[in-house]
Each structure stands twice: as C-alpha cells, then as structure tokens.
C-alpha cells in the first residue's frame, strides 16, 4: 500500500510545496484541496475529511 499522506507530508517538510488551493471539484473529488509541488507528481488532491491535517 502506498503511504499517500505520509509521502505528501514528507514532501511538505522538504519544502517542495509551492502552493495550495481549495477547489469545488477535481476529477471525482468534491470539495478538494489541491497541493502543488515543485517536483513530480506536481499536483496532489486531498479529500475533505483530511483538510484539517494540512491546514496547520
């Protein structure tokens, strides 16, 4: 199993996060927090029930 959120948090700690934005819909995720990174994969979506983890 891919540790999706652990990997995202590691990338944030490595200062790879460029910006983030809330969008109404991204593919089949609604609402969605989009995290934009300087390295691949460039965009990572986060579902609503995980927003609080990333808002801090």
Protein backbone atom coordinates (compact mmCIF):
# COMPACT_ATOMS: atom_id res chain seq x y z
CA UNK A 1 0.00 0.00 0.00
CA UNK A 2 1.30 3.43 -0.98
CA UNK A 3 1.64 5.72 2.06
CA UNK A 4 -0.11 8.61 0.24
CA UNK A 5 -0.45 11.11 3.09
CA UNK A 6 2.87 10.23 4.71
CA UNK A 7 4.65 10.90 1.42
CA UNK A 8 2.82 14.23 0.96
CA UNK A 9 3.76 15.34 4.48
CA UNK A 10 7.38 14.36 3.84
CA UNK A 11 7.38 16.47 0.66
CA UNK A 12 5.94 19.43 2.58
CA UNK A 13 8.68 19.04 5.22
CA UNK A 14 11.24 19.05 2.38
CA UNK A 15 9.92 22.46 1.23
CA UNK A 16 8.63 21.11 -2.09
CA UNK A 17 5.17 22.63 -1.60
CA UNK A 18 4.67 25.63 -3.90
CA UNK A 19 1.05 26.49 -3.15
CA UNK A 20 -2.31 25.06 -2.20
CA UNK A 21 -5.87 25.86 -3.20
CA UNK A 22 -9.39 24.75 -2.46
CA UNK A 23 -11.45 23.81 -5.50
CA UNK A 24 -15.07 22.81 -5.89
CA UNK A 25 -14.22 19.68 -7.89
CA UNK A 26 -11.07 17.88 -9.04
CA UNK A 27 -11.80 14.76 -11.04
CA UNK A 28 -14.23 12.86 -8.76
CA UNK A 29 -13.23 14.61 -5.53
CA UNK A 30 -15.55 17.33 -4.30
CA UNK A 31 -14.62 19.51 -2.48
CA UNK A 32 -10.89 19.17 -2.83
CA UNK A 33 -7.68 20.69 -1.51
CA UNK A 34 -5.06 20.73 -4.26
CA UNK A 35 -1.43 20.75 -3.21
CA UNK A 36 1.01 21.97 -5.87
CA UNK A 37 4.61 20.79 -5.64
CA UNK A 38 7.84 21.77 -7.39
CA UNK A 39 8.66 18.12 -8.14
CA UNK A 40 6.73 15.25 -9.73
CA UNK A 41 3.94 14.47 -9.18
CA UNK A 42 3.17 18.19 -9.36
CA UNK A 43 -0.43 18.08 -8.06
CA UNK A 44 -1.84 16.04 -5.20
CA UNK A 45 -5.54 16.13 -4.25
CA UNK A 46 -6.74 15.82 -0.65
CA UNK A 47 -10.30 14.87 0.33
CA UNK A 48 -12.39 16.94 2.74
CA UNK A 49 -12.04 14.61 5.74
CA UNK A 50 -8.25 15.20 5.62
CA UNK A 51 -8.31 19.04 5.28
CA UNK A 52 -7.53 19.68 8.96
CA UNK A 53 -4.25 17.75 8.74
CA UNK A 54 -2.98 20.11 6.05
CA UNK A 55 -4.41 23.42 7.25
CA UNK A 56 -1.94 23.55 10.13
